[in-house]
Amino acid sequence: MLKCTKCGRELPEKEALVHIKESKEQEIICPECFQKCAGIDYKTFSYRKESAKQTFWAVAFCLAATLYAFSEKGILYGIAGLICTLLIWRFASKIK
């Protein structure tokens, strides 16, 4: 059993969240204290973090495909690819 450093509640290892401060110290935080500090629950935070990673890689791939299309097919395909990339970035980053 671990103890939350904020509220002192005992919690099992599965529920414990580990936070590393700037001073390299570890903090054990319960989900309720995390929600109080961050303003959202941990599942939503984790989902948004993973979504941001996937959006980054999708946009990077689209930019690479756009550069390839521009060099192989011409400026119209490059512009179309850039527009598609911007749309993917805009709509993927706004999903909550």
N, C-alpha and C. Protein backbone atom coordinates (compact mmCIF):
# COMPACT_ATOMS: atom_id res chain seq x y z
N MET A 1 0.84 -1.18 0.00
CA MET A 1 0.00 0.00 0.00
C MET A 1 0.89 1.25 0.00
N LEU A 2 0.48 2.22 -0.77
CA LEU A 2 1.21 3.48 -0.85
C LEU A 2 0.36 4.59 -0.24
N LYS A 3 1.00 5.68 0.15
CA LYS A 3 0.30 6.82 0.74
C LYS A 3 0.37 8.01 -0.19
N CYS A 4 -0.75 8.69 -0.34
CA CYS A 4 -0.81 9.91 -1.12
C CYS A 4 -0.08 11.02 -0.35
N THR A 5 0.82 11.73 -1.03
CA THR A 5 1.57 12.79 -0.36
C THR A 5 0.72 14.03 -0.11
N LYS A 6 -0.38 14.17 -0.82
CA LYS A 6 -1.24 15.36 -0.66
C LYS A 6 -2.22 15.19 0.50
N CYS A 7 -2.96 14.05 0.47
CA CYS A 7 -4.03 13.88 1.47
C CYS A 7 -3.71 12.81 2.52
N GLY A 8 -2.71 11.97 2.29
CA GLY A 8 -2.32 10.95 3.25
C GLY A 8 -3.12 9.67 3.17
N ARG A 9 -4.01 9.56 2.20
CA ARG A 9 -4.84 8.37 2.05
C ARG A 9 -4.00 7.20 1.53
N GLU A 10 -4.26 6.01 2.05
CA GLU A 10 -3.58 4.81 1.57
C GLU A 10 -4.31 4.29 0.34
N LEU A 11 -3.52 3.88 -0.65
CA LEU A 11 -4.12 3.38 -1.88
C LEU A 11 -3.27 2.27 -2.46
N PRO A 12 -3.91 1.35 -3.19
CA PRO A 12 -3.15 0.26 -3.80
C PRO A 12 -2.26 0.78 -4.93
N GLU A 13 -1.27 -0.02 -5.30
CA GLU A 13 -0.31 0.40 -6.33
C GLU A 13 -0.96 0.69 -7.67
N LYS A 14 -2.04 -0.02 -7.99
CA LYS A 14 -2.72 0.18 -9.27
C LYS A 14 -3.31 1.58 -9.39
N GLU A 15 -3.78 2.14 -8.30
CA GLU A 15 -4.42 3.45 -8.32
C GLU A 15 -3.43 4.59 -8.17
N ALA A 16 -2.24 4.31 -7.70
CA ALA A 16 -1.27 5.37 -7.40
C ALA A 16 -0.73 6.01 -8.68
N LEU A 17 -0.63 7.31 -8.66
CA LEU A 17 -0.04 8.06 -9.77
C LEU A 17 1.28 8.65 -9.27
N VAL A 18 2.32 8.49 -10.05
CA VAL A 18 3.64 8.97 -9.64
C VAL A 18 3.94 10.26 -10.39
N HIS A 19 4.28 11.27 -9.66
CA HIS A 19 4.64 12.57 -10.22
C HIS A 19 6.08 12.87 -9.83
N ILE A 20 6.87 13.28 -10.80
CA ILE A 20 8.26 13.65 -10.51
C ILE A 20 8.36 15.17 -10.60
N LYS A 21 8.71 15.78 -9.49
CA LYS A 21 8.83 17.23 -9.41
C LYS A 21 10.07 17.71 -10.17
N GLU A 22 10.17 19.03 -10.31
CA GLU A 22 11.35 19.60 -10.97
C GLU A 22 12.62 19.31 -10.19
N SER A 23 12.48 19.13 -8.89
CA SER A 23 13.65 18.84 -8.05
C SER A 23 13.98 17.34 -8.05
N LYS A 24 13.38 16.58 -8.97
CA LYS A 24 13.62 15.14 -9.14
C LYS A 24 13.09 14.29 -7.98
N GLU A 25 12.21 14.84 -7.16
CA GLU A 25 11.58 14.08 -6.09
C GLU A 25 10.31 13.43 -6.62
N GLN A 26 10.04 12.22 -6.14
CA GLN A 26 8.81 11.53 -6.55
C GLN A 26 7.69 11.83 -5.57
N GLU A 27 6.51 12.03 -6.11
CA GLU A 27 5.30 12.21 -5.31
C GLU A 27 4.32 11.13 -5.68
N ILE A 28 3.66 10.56 -4.72
CA ILE A 28 2.58 9.61 -4.97
C ILE A 28 1.27 10.39 -4.78
N ILE A 29 0.43 10.36 -5.82
CA ILE A 29 -0.82 11.12 -5.78
C ILE A 29 -1.98 10.18 -6.07
N CYS A 30 -3.06 10.36 -5.31
CA CYS A 30 -4.28 9.57 -5.57
C CYS A 30 -5.07 10.26 -6.70
N PRO A 31 -5.95 9.53 -7.38
CA PRO A 31 -6.71 10.11 -8.49
C PRO A 31 -7.54 11.33 -8.09
N GLU A 32 -8.06 11.35 -6.88
CA GLU A 32 -8.87 12.49 -6.43
C GLU A 32 -8.02 13.75 -6.30
N CYS A 33 -6.83 13.61 -5.73
CA CYS A 33 -5.93 14.77 -5.60
C CYS A 33 -5.44 15.24 -6.97
N PHE A 34 -5.23 14.30 -7.89
CA PHE A 34 -4.84 14.66 -9.24
C PHE A 34 -5.93 15.51 -9.89
N GLN A 35 -7.17 15.09 -9.70
CA GLN A 35 -8.29 15.83 -10.28
C GLN A 35 -8.39 17.23 -9.67
N LYS A 36 -8.15 17.34 -8.38
CA LYS A 36 -8.18 18.66 -7.75
C LYS A 36 -7.07 19.56 -8.29
N CYS A 37 -5.87 19.00 -8.46
CA CYS A 37 -4.73 19.80 -8.93
C CYS A 37 -4.82 20.15 -10.42
N ALA A 38 -5.20 19.18 -11.24
CA ALA A 38 -5.19 19.38 -12.69
C ALA A 38 -6.51 19.92 -13.24
N GLY A 39 -7.59 19.70 -12.53
CA GLY A 39 -8.89 20.15 -13.01
C GLY A 39 -9.62 19.14 -13.87
N ILE A 40 -8.96 18.03 -14.24
CA ILE A 40 -9.60 16.96 -14.99
C ILE A 40 -9.17 15.63 -14.38
N ASP A 41 -9.96 14.60 -14.67
CA ASP A 41 -9.59 13.29 -14.13
C ASP A 41 -8.44 12.69 -14.94
N TYR A 42 -7.79 11.68 -14.37
CA TYR A 42 -6.58 11.14 -14.99
C TYR A 42 -6.86 10.45 -16.32
N LYS A 43 -8.01 9.78 -16.45
CA LYS A 43 -8.33 9.09 -17.70
C LYS A 43 -8.42 10.08 -18.86
N THR A 44 -9.07 11.22 -18.62
CA THR A 44 -9.18 12.25 -19.65
C THR A 44 -7.82 12.82 -19.98
N PHE A 45 -7.01 13.07 -18.96
CA PHE A 45 -5.65 13.58 -19.16
C PHE A 45 -4.84 12.61 -20.00
N SER A 46 -4.90 11.35 -19.68
CA SER A 46 -4.15 10.32 -20.41
C SER A 46 -4.63 10.22 -21.86
N TYR A 47 -5.93 10.29 -22.06
CA TYR A 47 -6.49 10.23 -23.41
C TYR A 47 -6.01 11.41 -24.24
N ARG A 48 -6.04 12.60 -23.67
CA ARG A 48 -5.61 13.79 -24.40
C ARG A 48 -4.12 13.74 -24.73
N LYS A 49 -3.33 13.22 -23.81
CA LYS A 49 -1.89 13.11 -24.02
C LYS A 49 -1.60 12.16 -25.18
N GLU A 50 -2.27 11.02 -25.20
CA GLU A 50 -2.08 10.04 -26.27
C GLU A 50 -2.59 10.60 -27.60
N SER A 51 -3.70 11.32 -27.57
CA SER A 51 -4.24 11.93 -28.78
C SER A 51 -3.27 12.96 -29.36
N ALA A 52 -2.62 13.72 -28.50
CA ALA A 52 -1.64 14.71 -28.96
C ALA A 52 -0.46 14.03 -29.65
N LYS A 53 -0.01 12.91 -29.12
CA LYS A 53 1.09 12.16 -29.74
C LYS A 53 0.68 11.66 -31.12
N GLN A 54 -0.52 11.09 -31.21
CA GLN A 54 -0.98 10.55 -32.49
C GLN A 54 -1.17 11.66 -33.52
N THR A 55 -1.67 12.81 -33.07
CA THR A 55 -1.85 13.94 -33.98
C THR A 55 -0.50 14.40 -34.52
N PHE A 56 0.50 14.47 -33.66
CA PHE A 56 1.84 14.87 -34.10
C PHE A 56 2.34 13.96 -35.20
N TRP A 57 2.24 12.65 -34.99
CA TRP A 57 2.75 11.70 -35.99
C TRP A 57 1.93 11.73 -37.27
N ALA A 58 0.62 11.93 -37.16
CA ALA A 58 -0.22 12.01 -38.36
C ALA A 58 0.15 13.24 -39.19
N VAL A 59 0.36 14.36 -38.53
CA VAL A 59 0.74 15.58 -39.25
C VAL A 59 2.13 15.44 -39.85
N ALA A 60 3.06 14.85 -39.12
CA ALA A 60 4.41 14.64 -39.65
C ALA A 60 4.38 13.75 -40.90
N PHE A 61 3.59 12.69 -40.84
CA PHE A 61 3.46 11.80 -42.00
C PHE A 61 2.84 12.54 -43.19
N CYS A 62 1.80 13.33 -42.92
CA CYS A 62 1.14 14.08 -44.00
C CYS A 62 2.08 15.10 -44.62
N LEU A 63 2.90 15.75 -43.80
CA LEU A 63 3.87 16.70 -44.36
C LEU A 63 4.89 16.00 -45.24
N ALA A 64 5.33 14.84 -44.81
CA ALA A 64 6.28 14.08 -45.63
C ALA A 64 5.64 13.66 -46.96
N ALA A 65 4.39 13.22 -46.91
CA ALA A 65 3.68 12.83 -48.12
C ALA A 65 3.44 14.05 -49.02
N THR A 66 3.20 15.20 -48.42
CA THR A 66 3.00 16.43 -49.17
C THR A 66 4.29 16.83 -49.90
N LEU A 67 5.41 16.75 -49.21
CA LEU A 67 6.68 17.08 -49.85
C LEU A 67 6.98 16.13 -51.01
N TYR A 68 6.67 14.86 -50.81
CA TYR A 68 6.87 13.87 -51.88
C TYR A 68 5.96 14.19 -53.07
N ALA A 69 4.68 14.47 -52.79
CA ALA A 69 3.73 14.78 -53.86
C ALA A 69 4.15 16.05 -54.60
N PHE A 70 4.63 17.03 -53.87
CA PHE A 70 5.08 18.28 -54.48
C PHE A 70 6.26 18.04 -55.41
N SER A 71 7.20 17.23 -54.97
CA SER A 71 8.39 17.00 -55.79
C SER A 71 8.12 16.07 -56.98
N GLU A 72 7.21 15.13 -56.83
CA GLU A 72 6.95 14.15 -57.90
C GLU A 72 5.81 14.56 -58.84
N LYS A 73 4.75 15.17 -58.30
CA LYS A 73 3.56 15.44 -59.11
C LYS A 73 3.37 16.92 -59.45
N GLY A 74 3.97 17.81 -58.67
CA GLY A 74 3.85 19.22 -59.01
C GLY A 74 3.20 20.04 -57.91
N ILE A 75 3.07 21.31 -58.20
CA ILE A 75 2.62 22.26 -57.18
C ILE A 75 1.15 22.05 -56.77
N LEU A 76 0.29 21.63 -57.69
CA LEU A 76 -1.13 21.44 -57.33
C LEU A 76 -1.30 20.32 -56.30
N TYR A 77 -0.57 19.24 -56.47
CA TYR A 77 -0.64 18.15 -55.50
C TYR A 77 -0.01 18.57 -54.16
N GLY A 78 1.02 19.39 -54.23
CA GLY A 78 1.64 19.90 -53.01
C GLY A 78 0.69 20.80 -52.24
N ILE A 79 -0.02 21.65 -52.95
CA ILE A 79 -1.00 22.54 -52.29
C ILE A 79 -2.15 21.71 -51.73
N ALA A 80 -2.62 20.73 -52.48
CA ALA A 80 -3.71 19.88 -51.99
C ALA A 80 -3.27 19.11 -50.74
N GLY A 81 -2.04 18.63 -50.75
CA GLY A 81 -1.52 17.92 -49.58
C GLY A 81 -1.37 18.83 -48.38
N LEU A 82 -0.95 20.06 -48.60
CA LEU A 82 -0.82 21.02 -47.51
C LEU A 82 -2.19 21.36 -46.92
N ILE A 83 -3.18 21.51 -47.76
CA ILE A 83 -4.54 21.78 -47.27
C ILE A 83 -5.05 20.59 -46.45
N CYS A 84 -4.84 19.38 -46.94
CA CYS A 84 -5.26 18.19 -46.19
C CYS A 84 -4.53 18.09 -44.85
N THR A 85 -3.25 18.39 -44.86
CA THR A 85 -2.47 18.36 -43.62
C THR A 85 -3.01 19.35 -42.61
N LEU A 86 -3.29 20.56 -43.06
CA LEU A 86 -3.84 21.59 -42.16
C LEU A 86 -5.21 21.19 -41.62
N LEU A 87 -6.04 20.57 -42.45
CA LEU A 87 -7.35 20.12 -41.99
C LEU A 87 -7.22 19.01 -40.95
N ILE A 88 -6.31 18.08 -41.18
CA ILE A 88 -6.10 17.00 -40.21
C ILE A 88 -5.62 17.58 -38.89
N TRP A 89 -4.66 18.49 -38.95
CA TRP A 89 -4.15 19.11 -37.72
C TRP A 89 -5.24 19.88 -36.99
N ARG A 90 -6.03 20.65 -37.74
CA ARG A 90 -7.07 21.47 -37.10
C ARG A 90 -8.13 20.62 -36.42
N PHE A 91 -8.64 19.64 -37.12
CA PHE A 91 -9.74 18.85 -36.56
C PHE A 91 -9.26 17.82 -35.54
N ALA A 92 -8.08 17.26 -35.71
CA ALA A 92 -7.57 16.28 -34.76
C ALA A 92 -7.16 16.93 -33.45
N SER A 93 -6.66 18.15 -33.50
CA SER A 93 -6.23 18.81 -32.26
C SER A 93 -7.39 19.44 -31.51
N LYS A 94 -8.55 19.58 -32.12
CA LYS A 94 -9.70 20.19 -31.44
C LYS A 94 -10.62 19.18 -30.79
N ILE A 95 -10.42 17.89 -31.05
CA ILE A 95 -11.27 16.86 -30.45
C ILE A 95 -10.98 16.77 -28.96
N LYS A 96 -12.03 16.75 -28.16
CA LYS A 96 -11.84 16.66 -26.70
C LYS A 96 -12.59 15.50 -26.12
